N, C-alpha and C. Protein backbone atom coordinates (compact mmCIF):
# COMPACT_ATOMS: atom_id res chain seq x y z
N MET A 1 92.45 101.75 -37.23
CA MET A 1 92.63 102.91 -36.63
C MET A 1 93.48 102.56 -35.38
N SER A 2 94.50 103.07 -35.23
CA SER A 2 95.52 102.58 -33.53
C SER A 2 94.53 103.22 -32.66
N SER A 3 95.26 102.79 -31.17
CA SER A 3 94.31 102.68 -30.42
C SER A 3 94.43 104.52 -29.52
N HIS A 4 93.63 104.55 -28.95
CA HIS A 4 93.51 105.65 -28.77
C HIS A 4 93.50 106.04 -27.13
N ARG A 5 93.83 107.14 -26.46
CA ARG A 5 93.54 107.30 -25.31
C ARG A 5 93.48 108.43 -24.97
N LYS A 6 92.82 109.25 -23.73
CA LYS A 6 92.70 110.80 -23.81
C LYS A 6 93.85 111.23 -23.40
N PRO A 7 93.97 112.41 -23.96
CA PRO A 7 95.46 113.72 -23.75
C PRO A 7 95.43 113.69 -22.50
N ARG A 8 96.66 113.42 -21.68
CA ARG A 8 96.78 114.26 -20.49
C ARG A 8 96.78 115.26 -20.23
N SER A 9 96.02 115.67 -18.82
CA SER A 9 96.26 117.62 -18.66
C SER A 9 96.56 117.59 -17.24
N SER A 10 97.76 118.10 -16.88
CA SER A 10 98.11 118.15 -15.44
C SER A 10 97.10 119.49 -14.70
N SER A 11 96.47 120.35 -15.29
CA SER A 11 95.86 121.40 -14.78
C SER A 11 94.03 120.66 -14.57
N ARG A 12 94.13 119.45 -14.80
CA ARG A 12 92.73 119.21 -13.65
C ARG A 12 92.47 118.87 -12.40
N PRO A 13 92.22 119.01 -11.35
CA PRO A 13 92.42 118.82 -9.79
C PRO A 13 92.17 117.55 -10.11
N LEU A 14 93.21 116.37 -9.25
CA LEU A 14 92.49 115.41 -8.64
C LEU A 14 91.96 114.28 -10.20
N THR A 15 92.75 114.81 -11.13
CA THR A 15 92.23 113.77 -12.01
C THR A 15 93.69 113.31 -12.70
N GLN A 16 93.49 112.33 -13.51
CA GLN A 16 95.07 111.60 -14.01
C GLN A 16 96.27 111.48 -13.42
N ARG A 17 95.89 111.37 -12.33
CA ARG A 17 97.73 111.09 -11.51
C ARG A 17 97.08 110.38 -10.12
N ALA A 18 98.48 109.36 -10.15
CA ALA A 18 98.23 108.90 -8.68
C ALA A 18 98.56 109.63 -7.85
N VAL A 19 97.52 109.35 -6.41
CA VAL A 19 98.05 110.37 -5.34
C VAL A 19 98.70 109.41 -4.15
N ARG A 20 100.20 109.85 -3.81
CA ARG A 20 101.26 109.07 -2.59
C ARG A 20 100.73 110.30 -1.64
N ILE A 21 100.74 109.60 -0.60
CA ILE A 21 101.03 110.18 0.97
C ILE A 21 102.02 109.44 1.53
N GLY A 22 102.91 109.87 2.15
CA GLY A 22 103.35 109.56 3.53
C GLY A 22 105.16 108.90 2.97
N LEU A 23 105.19 108.11 4.02
CA LEU A 23 106.37 107.25 3.73
C LEU A 23 106.50 105.90 3.56
N PHE A 24 105.36 105.46 3.80
CA PHE A 24 105.14 103.66 3.83
C PHE A 24 105.30 103.39 2.59
N ALA A 25 106.33 102.59 2.17
CA ALA A 25 105.98 101.90 0.77
C ALA A 25 105.01 101.19 0.93
N ALA A 26 104.60 100.78 -0.77
CA ALA A 26 103.07 100.02 -0.95
C ALA A 26 103.98 98.39 -0.75
N GLY A 27 103.79 98.24 -2.44
CA GLY A 27 104.26 96.96 -2.92
C GLY A 27 103.48 95.84 -2.81
N VAL A 28 102.24 96.34 -2.42
CA VAL A 28 101.54 95.39 -1.97
C VAL A 28 99.92 95.25 -2.78
N ALA A 29 100.24 95.43 -3.95
CA ALA A 29 99.02 95.41 -5.14
C ALA A 29 97.89 93.49 -4.93
N GLY A 30 97.12 93.79 -4.93
CA GLY A 30 96.11 92.29 -5.05
C GLY A 30 96.14 91.61 -3.94
N VAL A 31 96.30 92.80 -2.43
CA VAL A 31 96.35 92.22 -1.35
C VAL A 31 95.17 93.19 -0.78
N ALA A 32 94.13 92.38 0.10
CA ALA A 32 93.44 92.98 0.91
C ALA A 32 93.26 92.57 2.48
N THR A 33 93.78 93.61 3.44
CA THR A 33 93.54 93.17 4.96
C THR A 33 92.60 93.52 5.82
N ALA A 34 91.45 93.31 6.61
CA ALA A 34 91.00 93.89 7.00
C ALA A 34 90.43 93.36 9.06
N VAL A 35 90.97 94.29 9.87
CA VAL A 35 91.29 94.05 11.05
C VAL A 35 90.00 94.94 12.24
N PRO A 36 89.40 93.98 12.52
CA PRO A 36 88.11 94.54 13.57
C PRO A 36 88.98 96.41 13.96
N ALA A 37 88.41 97.12 14.57
CA ALA A 37 88.72 97.85 14.89
C ALA A 37 89.08 97.63 16.57
N GLN A 38 88.11 96.79 17.22
CA GLN A 38 88.64 96.56 18.49
C GLN A 38 89.84 95.73 18.88
N ALA A 39 89.99 95.07 17.75
CA ALA A 39 91.48 93.64 18.33
C ALA A 39 92.28 95.07 17.57
N ALA A 40 92.07 95.99 17.19
CA ALA A 40 93.47 96.36 16.72
C ALA A 40 94.00 97.56 17.83
N THR A 41 93.46 97.92 18.52
CA THR A 41 93.44 99.35 19.09
C THR A 41 94.77 98.93 20.24
N ALA A 42 94.67 97.78 21.18
CA ALA A 42 96.07 97.58 21.54
C ALA A 42 97.03 97.43 21.18
N ALA A 43 97.46 96.77 20.23
CA ALA A 43 98.90 97.00 18.91
C ALA A 43 98.77 97.13 17.83
N PRO A 44 99.31 98.45 17.46
CA PRO A 44 99.23 99.31 16.47
C PRO A 44 99.98 98.30 15.52
N HIS A 45 99.08 97.93 14.23
CA HIS A 45 100.28 97.08 12.92
C HIS A 45 99.65 98.06 11.72
N ALA A 46 100.67 97.75 10.92
CA ALA A 46 100.05 98.25 9.95
C ALA A 46 98.88 97.68 8.77
N ALA A 47 98.51 98.73 8.15
CA ALA A 47 97.19 97.93 7.53
C ALA A 47 97.45 98.10 6.19
N VAL A 48 96.68 97.40 5.56
CA VAL A 48 96.75 96.99 3.89
C VAL A 48 95.76 96.91 2.93
N ALA A 49 95.39 97.57 2.36
CA ALA A 49 94.33 96.94 1.32
C ALA A 49 94.29 97.51 0.03
N SER A 50 93.78 96.53 -1.29
CA SER A 50 94.10 97.06 -2.28
C SER A 50 92.86 96.90 -3.44
N ASP A 51 92.03 97.10 -3.71
CA ASP A 51 90.65 97.26 -4.28
C ASP A 51 90.78 97.47 -6.18
N ALA A 52 90.07 96.47 -7.09
CA ALA A 52 90.51 96.93 -8.66
C ALA A 52 88.90 96.06 -8.79
N VAL A 53 88.73 97.23 -9.78
CA VAL A 53 87.79 96.86 -10.80
C VAL A 53 88.37 96.91 -12.43
N PHE A 54 87.75 96.10 -13.29
CA PHE A 54 88.28 95.97 -14.53
C PHE A 54 87.30 95.44 -15.51
N SER A 55 87.18 96.40 -16.44
CA SER A 55 85.49 96.01 -17.38
C SER A 55 86.19 96.06 -18.60
N HIS A 56 85.88 94.96 -19.85
CA HIS A 56 86.23 94.85 -20.93
C HIS A 56 85.27 94.91 -21.97
N ALA A 57 84.92 95.45 -22.89
CA ALA A 57 83.55 95.89 -24.19
C ALA A 57 84.50 95.21 -25.17
N ASP A 58 83.90 94.01 -26.05
CA ASP A 58 84.62 94.43 -27.05
C ASP A 58 83.44 93.69 -28.34
N ARG A 59 83.54 93.17 -29.92
CA ARG A 59 82.52 92.88 -30.38
C ARG A 59 81.77 91.80 -30.29
N VAL A 60 81.87 90.84 -28.81
CA VAL A 60 81.68 89.86 -28.55
C VAL A 60 80.34 90.15 -27.35
N HIS A 61 81.19 90.86 -26.49
CA HIS A 61 80.31 91.37 -24.86
C HIS A 61 80.35 93.35 -25.67
N HIS A 62 79.47 94.00 -26.22
CA HIS A 62 79.08 95.16 -26.54
C HIS A 62 79.31 95.57 -25.53
N THR A 63 78.62 95.68 -24.22
CA THR A 63 78.46 96.20 -22.78
C THR A 63 78.63 95.14 -21.77
N GLN A 64 79.74 96.11 -20.75
CA GLN A 64 80.39 95.35 -20.02
C GLN A 64 80.01 96.92 -18.91
N ALA A 65 79.39 96.11 -17.76
CA ALA A 65 79.62 97.50 -16.61
C ALA A 65 79.83 97.13 -15.31
N ARG A 66 80.98 97.31 -14.29
CA ARG A 66 80.54 96.48 -12.87
C ARG A 66 81.18 97.71 -11.86
N ASP A 67 81.14 97.71 -10.83
CA ASP A 67 81.30 98.51 -9.66
C ASP A 67 81.89 98.12 -8.61
N SER A 68 82.55 98.49 -7.71
CA SER A 68 82.84 98.07 -6.65
C SER A 68 82.87 99.13 -5.35
N PHE A 69 82.23 98.47 -4.32
CA PHE A 69 81.84 99.46 -3.25
C PHE A 69 82.45 98.89 -2.03
N THR A 70 83.71 99.23 -1.61
CA THR A 70 84.20 98.50 -0.20
C THR A 70 84.77 99.56 1.36
N VAL A 71 84.30 98.92 2.17
CA VAL A 71 84.49 99.48 3.61
C VAL A 71 85.49 98.85 4.33
N ARG A 72 86.53 99.32 4.57
CA ARG A 72 87.46 98.41 5.04
C ARG A 72 87.62 99.42 6.20
N GLN A 73 87.46 98.63 8.01
CA GLN A 73 87.61 99.57 9.34
C GLN A 73 88.93 99.29 9.71
N TYR A 74 89.86 99.96 10.27
CA TYR A 74 90.70 99.53 10.41
C TYR A 74 91.02 100.16 11.99
N GLY A 75 91.51 99.49 12.85
CA GLY A 75 92.30 100.20 14.79
C GLY A 75 93.25 101.02 14.79
N THR A 76 93.95 101.14 15.64
CA THR A 76 95.06 102.13 15.29
C THR A 76 96.11 101.50 14.68
N VAL A 77 96.47 102.03 14.14
CA VAL A 77 98.28 101.95 12.97
C VAL A 77 98.41 102.66 12.88
N ASN A 78 100.54 102.18 12.43
CA ASN A 78 101.85 102.77 12.54
C ASN A 78 101.94 103.08 11.19
N ALA A 79 101.21 102.65 10.50
CA ALA A 79 101.40 102.73 8.76
C ALA A 79 99.84 101.97 7.85
N ALA A 80 99.74 102.69 6.90
CA ALA A 80 98.78 102.32 6.02
C ALA A 80 99.61 102.59 4.38
N ALA A 81 98.91 101.47 3.83
CA ALA A 81 99.18 100.86 2.60
C ALA A 81 97.97 100.91 1.43
N VAL A 82 97.14 102.42 1.14
CA VAL A 82 95.99 101.06 0.71
C VAL A 82 95.87 102.17 -0.76
N ARG A 83 95.34 100.89 -1.74
CA ARG A 83 95.28 101.39 -3.43
C ARG A 83 93.91 101.29 -4.09
N ASN A 84 93.24 101.65 -5.04
CA ASN A 84 92.34 101.63 -5.72
C ASN A 84 92.40 102.10 -6.37
N GLN A 85 91.99 101.56 -8.07
CA GLN A 85 91.94 100.85 -9.07
C GLN A 85 90.97 101.12 -9.91
N ALA A 86 90.54 101.43 -10.93
CA ALA A 86 89.83 101.11 -12.08
C ALA A 86 89.97 101.24 -13.46
N ASN A 87 89.86 100.29 -14.25
CA ASN A 87 90.39 100.20 -15.63
C ASN A 87 89.13 99.57 -16.43
N ALA A 88 88.91 100.37 -17.26
CA ALA A 88 88.46 100.22 -18.83
C ALA A 88 88.50 100.30 -19.53
N VAL A 89 88.44 99.16 -20.87
CA VAL A 89 88.66 99.12 -22.36
C VAL A 89 87.71 98.68 -23.47
N SER A 90 87.56 99.13 -24.50
CA SER A 90 86.66 98.98 -25.67
C SER A 90 87.64 98.88 -26.72
N VAL A 91 87.07 97.37 -27.38
CA VAL A 91 88.09 97.13 -28.74
C VAL A 91 87.66 96.65 -29.76
N GLY A 92 87.51 97.04 -30.87
CA GLY A 92 87.33 96.79 -31.37
C GLY A 92 86.04 96.94 -32.40
N CYS A 93 85.00 98.04 -32.11
CA CYS A 93 83.46 98.28 -32.05
C CYS A 93 83.66 99.24 -33.16
N SER A 94 82.47 99.04 -33.76
CA SER A 94 82.34 100.52 -34.82
C SER A 94 81.79 101.47 -34.48
N ALA A 95 80.90 102.59 -35.66
CA ALA A 95 80.63 103.79 -34.76
C ALA A 95 78.95 103.22 -35.31
N ASP A 96 78.66 102.08 -35.94
CA ASP A 96 77.52 101.61 -36.15
C ASP A 96 77.43 100.39 -34.65
N ASP A 97 77.82 100.27 -34.66
CA ASP A 97 77.69 98.82 -33.42
C ASP A 97 78.86 99.04 -32.48
N ALA A 98 78.84 100.60 -31.14
CA ALA A 98 79.52 100.82 -30.45
C ALA A 98 79.43 99.81 -29.27
N CYS A 99 80.75 100.10 -28.31
CA CYS A 99 80.88 98.98 -27.39
C CYS A 99 80.76 100.15 -26.11
N ARG A 100 80.36 99.67 -25.33
CA ARG A 100 80.05 100.33 -23.54
C ARG A 100 81.03 99.67 -22.37
N SER A 101 81.99 100.47 -21.87
CA SER A 101 82.79 100.02 -21.03
C SER A 101 82.74 100.45 -19.93
N VAL A 102 82.33 100.38 -18.31
CA VAL A 102 82.36 101.34 -17.74
C VAL A 102 83.43 100.58 -16.12
N ALA A 103 83.84 100.82 -15.78
CA ALA A 103 84.77 100.41 -14.12
C ALA A 103 84.37 101.62 -13.69
N LEU A 104 83.79 101.39 -12.24
CA LEU A 104 83.73 102.47 -11.11
C LEU A 104 84.06 101.65 -9.77
N SER A 105 84.91 102.43 -8.84
CA SER A 105 85.34 101.77 -7.60
C SER A 105 86.02 102.80 -7.07
N PHE A 106 84.78 102.29 -5.55
CA PHE A 106 84.43 103.42 -4.57
C PHE A 106 84.92 102.32 -2.92
N GLN A 107 86.38 103.43 -2.43
CA GLN A 107 87.15 102.26 -2.11
C GLN A 107 86.87 103.35 -0.06
N ILE A 108 86.95 103.13 0.70
CA ILE A 108 86.40 103.59 2.30
C ILE A 108 87.15 102.94 3.33
N VAL A 109 88.24 103.78 3.71
CA VAL A 109 89.54 103.07 4.60
C VAL A 109 89.10 104.04 5.93
N THR A 110 89.40 103.48 6.92
CA THR A 110 88.94 104.21 8.33
C THR A 110 90.33 103.69 8.98
N PHE A 111 90.85 104.67 9.83
CA PHE A 111 92.03 104.42 10.57
C PHE A 111 92.63 105.14 11.93
N ALA A 112 93.16 104.68 12.60
CA ALA A 112 93.45 105.71 13.81
C ALA A 112 94.77 105.73 13.96
N GLY A 113 95.20 106.49 14.63
CA GLY A 113 96.43 107.17 15.03
C GLY A 113 96.96 108.65 14.58
N GLU A 114 98.04 108.93 15.38
CA GLU A 114 98.13 110.34 15.89
C GLU A 114 99.71 110.49 14.97
N ARG A 115 100.17 109.64 14.45
CA ARG A 115 101.15 109.95 13.77
C ARG A 115 101.51 108.58 12.17
N THR A 116 100.52 108.21 12.17
CA THR A 116 100.42 107.02 10.93
C THR A 116 101.27 107.88 9.41
N HIS A 117 101.88 106.67 9.40
CA HIS A 117 102.98 106.74 7.60
C HIS A 117 101.52 106.06 6.72
N LEU A 118 100.89 107.25 5.88
CA LEU A 118 100.42 106.79 4.92
C LEU A 118 100.67 106.71 3.37
N ASN A 119 100.13 105.47 2.69
CA ASN A 119 100.61 105.46 1.22
C ASN A 119 99.40 105.44 0.61
N ALA A 120 98.67 106.47 -0.28
CA ALA A 120 97.68 106.31 -0.74
C ALA A 120 97.71 106.31 -2.08
N VAL A 121 97.39 105.25 -2.80
CA VAL A 121 97.01 105.80 -4.20
C VAL A 121 95.83 105.20 -4.73
N ASN A 122 95.39 106.21 -5.79
CA ASN A 122 94.42 105.95 -6.76
C ASN A 122 94.23 106.49 -7.71
N LEU A 123 93.95 105.31 -8.41
CA LEU A 123 94.04 105.85 -10.05
C LEU A 123 92.98 104.89 -11.03
N SER A 124 92.79 105.59 -12.42
CA SER A 124 91.92 104.69 -12.97
C SER A 124 92.49 104.76 -14.78
N ASP A 125 92.37 104.05 -15.28
CA ASP A 125 92.45 104.59 -16.97
C ASP A 125 91.51 103.83 -18.24
N ALA A 126 91.25 105.13 -18.62
CA ALA A 126 89.94 104.16 -20.19
C ALA A 126 90.51 104.05 -21.23
N ALA A 127 90.87 103.42 -22.18
CA ALA A 127 90.97 102.87 -23.76
C ALA A 127 90.02 102.61 -24.16
N ASN A 128 89.72 103.20 -25.79
CA ASN A 128 89.27 103.03 -26.63
C ASN A 128 90.74 102.43 -28.11
N LYS A 129 90.18 101.08 -27.77
CA LYS A 129 91.23 100.05 -29.07
C LYS A 129 90.47 99.96 -30.40
N LYS A 130 91.05 100.68 -31.16
CA LYS A 130 90.63 100.19 -32.65
C LYS A 130 88.73 100.39 -32.36
N CYS A 131 88.21 101.33 -31.92
CA CYS A 131 87.03 101.58 -31.40
C CYS A 131 86.16 102.37 -31.29
N THR A 132 85.46 103.04 -32.41
CA THR A 132 85.14 104.78 -33.29
C THR A 132 83.41 104.14 -32.72
N GLY A 133 83.65 105.52 -32.15
CA GLY A 133 81.98 105.77 -31.54
C GLY A 133 82.18 105.58 -30.35
N CYS A 134 82.51 104.68 -29.42
CA CYS A 134 82.65 103.94 -28.02
C CYS A 134 82.72 104.71 -26.96
N GLN A 135 82.01 103.91 -25.88
CA GLN A 135 81.98 104.69 -24.49
C GLN A 135 82.32 104.06 -23.43
N THR A 136 83.56 104.75 -23.21
CA THR A 136 84.33 104.22 -21.80
C THR A 136 85.08 105.16 -21.05
N LEU A 137 84.47 104.68 -19.76
CA LEU A 137 84.76 105.27 -18.31
C LEU A 137 85.19 104.51 -17.32
N ALA A 138 86.31 105.02 -16.65
CA ALA A 138 87.42 104.39 -15.43
C ALA A 138 86.79 105.15 -14.41
N GLY A 139 86.15 105.57 -13.30
CA GLY A 139 86.41 106.41 -11.97
C GLY A 139 86.73 105.81 -10.87
N ALA A 140 87.68 106.22 -10.26
CA ALA A 140 88.42 105.75 -8.31
C ALA A 140 88.24 106.47 -7.87
N TYR A 141 87.19 106.33 -6.57
CA TYR A 141 87.24 107.27 -5.99
C TYR A 141 87.53 106.35 -4.48
N GLN A 142 88.12 107.22 -3.96
CA GLN A 142 89.26 106.52 -2.53
C GLN A 142 88.81 107.70 -0.91
N PHE A 143 88.18 106.94 -0.43
CA PHE A 143 87.89 107.66 0.69
C PHE A 143 88.73 107.65 1.79
N VAL A 144 90.04 108.35 2.57
CA VAL A 144 90.36 107.99 3.54
C VAL A 144 90.43 108.79 4.82
N VAL A 145 89.50 107.74 5.80
CA VAL A 145 89.05 109.10 7.24
C VAL A 145 90.52 108.17 8.00
N SER A 146 90.68 109.62 9.00
CA SER A 146 91.87 109.67 10.29
C SER A 146 91.39 110.10 11.59
N THR A 147 91.13 109.29 12.28
CA THR A 147 90.58 109.68 13.47
C THR A 147 91.57 109.18 14.81
N PRO A 148 92.06 110.13 15.56
CA PRO A 148 92.71 109.84 16.64
C PRO A 148 92.58 108.73 17.46
N THR A 149 91.21 108.06 17.49
CA THR A 149 91.03 106.64 18.06
C THR A 149 90.19 106.10 17.30
N PRO A 150 89.83 104.49 17.35
CA PRO A 150 89.23 104.06 16.65
C PRO A 150 88.32 104.28 16.76
N ILE A 151 87.28 104.34 15.57
CA ILE A 151 85.87 103.92 15.20
C ILE A 151 85.30 103.40 14.70
N THR A 152 83.90 102.92 14.82
CA THR A 152 83.56 102.05 13.97
C THR A 152 82.14 102.49 13.55
N PHE A 153 81.59 102.45 12.05
CA PHE A 153 80.71 103.03 11.64
C PHE A 153 79.14 102.28 12.60
N ASP A 154 77.94 103.09 12.84
CA ASP A 154 76.73 102.60 13.47
C ASP A 154 76.19 102.33 12.35
N ALA A 155 75.03 101.81 13.08
CA ALA A 155 73.64 100.77 12.19
C ALA A 155 73.35 102.19 10.66
N ALA A 156 72.90 103.41 11.28
CA ALA A 156 72.67 104.18 10.66
C ALA A 156 73.72 104.79 9.43
N THR A 157 74.81 105.28 9.78
CA THR A 157 75.68 104.56 8.73
C THR A 157 75.79 103.64 7.60
N ARG A 158 76.20 102.92 7.92
CA ARG A 158 76.08 101.56 7.11
C ARG A 158 74.71 101.75 6.31
N ARG A 159 74.08 102.03 7.10
CA ARG A 159 72.47 101.78 5.77
C ARG A 159 72.46 103.31 5.20
N LYS A 160 72.81 103.53 5.10
CA LYS A 160 73.19 104.98 4.52
C LYS A 160 74.26 104.62 3.21
N LEU A 161 75.28 104.20 3.61
CA LEU A 161 76.87 103.61 2.78
C LEU A 161 75.61 102.28 1.67
N ASP A 162 74.84 101.61 2.20
CA ASP A 162 74.23 100.62 1.89
C ASP A 162 73.59 101.01 0.78
N ASP A 163 72.61 102.28 1.43
CA ASP A 163 71.72 102.42 0.03
C ASP A 163 72.65 103.74 -1.55
N ILE A 164 74.05 103.98 -0.64
CA ILE A 164 74.27 104.35 -1.85
C ILE A 164 75.17 103.51 -2.41
N HIS A 165 75.68 102.54 -2.36
CA HIS A 165 76.08 100.91 -3.16
C HIS A 165 74.72 100.84 -4.16
N ARG A 166 73.80 100.87 -3.54
CA ARG A 166 72.69 99.86 -4.50
C ARG A 166 72.47 101.09 -5.39
N ARG A 167 72.16 102.47 -5.57
CA ARG A 167 72.27 103.82 -6.42
C ARG A 167 73.82 103.08 -7.55
N LEU A 168 74.28 102.95 -6.59
CA LEU A 168 75.59 102.73 -7.66
C LEU A 168 75.98 102.08 -8.70
N ASP A 169 75.53 100.87 -7.88
CA ASP A 169 74.72 99.64 -8.62
C ASP A 169 74.13 99.97 -10.07
N VAL A 170 72.97 100.46 -10.12
CA VAL A 170 71.78 100.88 -10.82
C VAL A 170 72.41 102.03 -12.15
N LEU A 171 73.21 102.81 -11.76
CA LEU A 171 74.07 103.66 -11.88
C LEU A 171 75.01 102.86 -13.42
N THR A 172 75.73 102.37 -12.78
CA THR A 172 76.62 101.70 -13.65
C THR A 172 76.13 100.83 -14.46
N ARG A 173 74.90 100.61 -14.82
CA ARG A 173 74.51 99.23 -15.09
C ARG A 173 73.23 100.19 -16.10
N SER A 174 73.56 101.66 -16.11
CA SER A 174 72.40 102.52 -16.59
C SER A 174 72.52 102.19 -18.37
N SER A 175 72.11 103.14 -19.21
CA SER A 175 72.57 103.54 -20.27
C SER A 175 72.69 104.98 -20.88
N LEU A 176 72.79 105.39 -19.47
CA LEU A 176 73.34 107.20 -19.61
C LEU A 176 74.44 107.42 -20.16
N PRO A 177 74.14 107.96 -21.45
CA PRO A 177 76.20 108.61 -21.72
C PRO A 177 77.15 109.27 -20.75
N ALA A 178 77.67 109.03 -21.47
CA ALA A 178 79.10 109.01 -20.25
C ALA A 178 79.41 110.38 -19.78
N ALA A 179 79.39 111.44 -20.15
CA ALA A 179 79.46 112.26 -19.59
C ALA A 179 78.27 112.94 -18.25
N GLU A 180 77.42 112.14 -18.39
CA GLU A 180 75.69 112.43 -17.28
C GLU A 180 76.45 111.35 -16.59
N LEU A 181 76.42 110.03 -16.87
CA LEU A 181 76.99 109.14 -15.77
C LEU A 181 78.09 109.67 -14.59
N ARG A 182 79.24 110.12 -15.48
CA ARG A 182 79.91 110.39 -14.60
C ARG A 182 79.56 111.39 -13.64
N SER A 183 78.76 112.45 -14.36
CA SER A 183 78.11 113.83 -13.52
C SER A 183 77.38 112.99 -12.09
N ARG A 184 76.36 111.71 -12.40
CA ARG A 184 75.58 111.50 -11.44
C ARG A 184 76.29 110.49 -10.44
N VAL A 185 77.44 109.96 -10.72
CA VAL A 185 79.00 109.57 -10.02
C VAL A 185 79.40 110.30 -9.21
N ASP A 186 79.65 111.33 -9.64
CA ASP A 186 80.33 112.27 -8.68
C ASP A 186 79.78 112.85 -7.51
N GLY A 187 77.82 112.61 -7.99
CA GLY A 187 76.71 113.09 -7.27
C GLY A 187 77.03 112.03 -5.76
N LEU A 188 76.75 110.87 -5.86
CA LEU A 188 76.95 109.71 -5.45
C LEU A 188 78.22 110.31 -4.27
N ALA A 189 79.61 110.49 -4.96
CA ALA A 189 80.47 110.34 -4.41
C ALA A 189 80.71 111.63 -2.94
N THR A 190 79.89 112.71 -3.36
CA THR A 190 79.70 113.74 -2.45
C THR A 190 78.72 113.26 -1.24
N GLU A 191 77.79 112.32 -1.95
CA GLU A 191 76.85 111.97 -0.39
C GLU A 191 77.51 110.83 0.33
N VAL A 192 78.85 110.35 0.12
CA VAL A 192 79.37 109.80 0.40
C VAL A 192 80.37 109.92 1.29
N GLY A 193 81.00 111.29 0.67
CA GLY A 193 81.81 112.50 1.95
C GLY A 193 80.86 113.14 3.03
N THR A 194 79.58 113.38 2.81
CA THR A 194 78.89 113.99 3.56
C THR A 194 78.47 112.79 4.71
N VAL A 195 78.37 111.76 4.45
CA VAL A 195 78.02 110.11 5.20
C VAL A 195 79.13 110.21 6.25
N LEU A 196 80.07 110.47 5.69
CA LEU A 196 81.64 110.09 6.38
C LEU A 196 81.84 111.27 7.36
N HIS A 197 81.77 112.63 7.07
CA HIS A 197 81.87 113.67 7.83
C HIS A 197 81.01 113.13 8.77
N ASP A 198 79.94 113.23 8.32
CA ASP A 198 78.84 112.55 9.83
C ASP A 198 79.46 111.59 11.04
N ALA A 199 79.57 110.53 10.53
CA ALA A 199 80.32 109.98 11.38
C ALA A 199 81.42 110.24 12.17
N VAL A 200 82.43 111.14 11.68
CA VAL A 200 83.33 111.54 12.52
C VAL A 200 83.20 112.59 13.36
N ALA A 201 81.83 113.62 13.09
CA ALA A 201 81.80 114.83 13.57
C ALA A 201 82.00 114.34 15.30
N ASP A 202 81.53 113.42 15.72
CA ASP A 202 81.52 113.21 17.41
C ASP A 202 82.80 112.41 17.59
N ALA A 203 84.06 112.71 16.89
CA ALA A 203 84.96 111.27 17.65
C ALA A 203 86.17 112.19 18.49
N PRO A 204 86.79 111.53 18.88
CA PRO A 204 87.31 112.39 20.08
C PRO A 204 88.58 113.36 19.19
N LYS A 205 88.68 114.26 19.85
CA LYS A 205 89.80 114.99 18.98
C LYS A 205 91.29 114.68 20.10
N GLY A 206 92.29 115.16 18.98
CA GLY A 206 93.53 114.61 19.49
C GLY A 206 94.22 115.75 18.76
N GLU A 207 95.93 115.51 18.71
CA GLU A 207 96.57 116.22 18.02
C GLU A 207 96.60 116.85 17.02
N ALA A 208 95.48 116.19 16.30
CA ALA A 208 95.16 116.28 14.70
C ALA A 208 93.76 115.97 14.91
N PRO A 209 92.72 116.28 14.37
CA PRO A 209 91.23 116.44 14.17
C PRO A 209 90.83 115.35 13.22
N PRO A 210 89.60 114.76 13.45
CA PRO A 210 89.15 113.68 13.07
C PRO A 210 89.32 114.36 10.94
N ALA A 211 89.32 113.43 10.20
CA ALA A 211 89.72 114.19 8.64
C ALA A 211 89.26 113.19 7.77
N VAL A 212 88.24 113.82 6.36
CA VAL A 212 88.01 112.58 5.71
C VAL A 212 88.48 113.33 4.39
N THR A 213 89.44 112.49 3.30
CA THR A 213 89.96 112.76 2.49
C THR A 213 89.65 112.37 1.06
N LEU A 214 89.07 113.08 -0.02
CA LEU A 214 88.96 112.00 -1.07
C LEU A 214 89.97 112.13 -1.87
N HIS A 215 90.56 110.99 -2.71
CA HIS A 215 90.95 111.01 -3.81
C HIS A 215 90.44 110.44 -4.88
N ARG A 216 90.13 111.56 -5.84
CA ARG A 216 88.79 111.17 -7.08
C ARG A 216 89.89 111.56 -8.32
N HIS A 217 89.86 110.17 -9.22
CA HIS A 217 90.30 110.14 -10.43
C HIS A 217 89.16 109.34 -11.50
N LEU A 218 89.17 110.15 -12.35
CA LEU A 218 88.63 110.15 -13.40
C LEU A 218 89.40 109.92 -15.10
N ASP A 219 88.71 108.94 -15.82
CA ASP A 219 89.47 108.62 -17.13
C ASP A 219 87.92 108.24 -18.11
N GLY A 220 87.91 108.60 -19.14
CA GLY A 220 87.11 108.26 -20.26
C GLY A 220 86.61 108.76 -21.23
N TRP A 221 86.73 107.85 -22.72
CA TRP A 221 85.77 108.41 -23.74
C TRP A 221 84.65 108.24 -23.76
N PRO A 222 83.79 109.16 -24.55
CA PRO A 222 84.16 110.07 -25.53
C PRO A 222 84.62 111.60 -24.47
N GLY A 223 85.55 112.74 -24.54
CA GLY A 223 86.10 113.42 -23.57
C GLY A 223 85.44 114.12 -22.95
N HIS A 224 85.62 114.12 -21.96
CA HIS A 224 84.87 114.98 -21.05
C HIS A 224 85.24 116.51 -20.65
């Protein structure tokens, strides 16, 4: 059997595409830098973050499940390049001995600035290669939080995010069917969004109000 990839469809919002915003060219895959908000307020700088998860299941390792949940808080920046990516592949298994590959990446990035140039890339890819009946799911969730002045998450917000991270770990390693797993992970993403909106609700207002933007990108077999 030849390699299979899920057909692309441009009609599904926020899926099967990379999200690129702003004028700052990235060219920085594989680099992750974190600068405390307090240290960055005096001298605006460029923020760079790249997070990626890869899972590979085959006849030797029938199940592989990996996830990432990163929080990167920057101070005042004049440019930001952020990338989040999840890739999952299942190779060479049969319907009687199917593989399962899951890769999920949650990235939270905060920065401050009234006119920040932003380049945000968020993508995922799932592939079955000669793998009949395999379940393969890749999901990338990127949360971009922008505020006029720097913020630092308080202990309560951190605890809520840590709890969601723990539940993501459990879901990733569960045996739920791919379609149900996707729905449950979407539910966790909704919770993250609520926590972040609450965290910036009292942030000072500037020319633009505080904003939380979700870039969501899912791909998987069997089809959803």
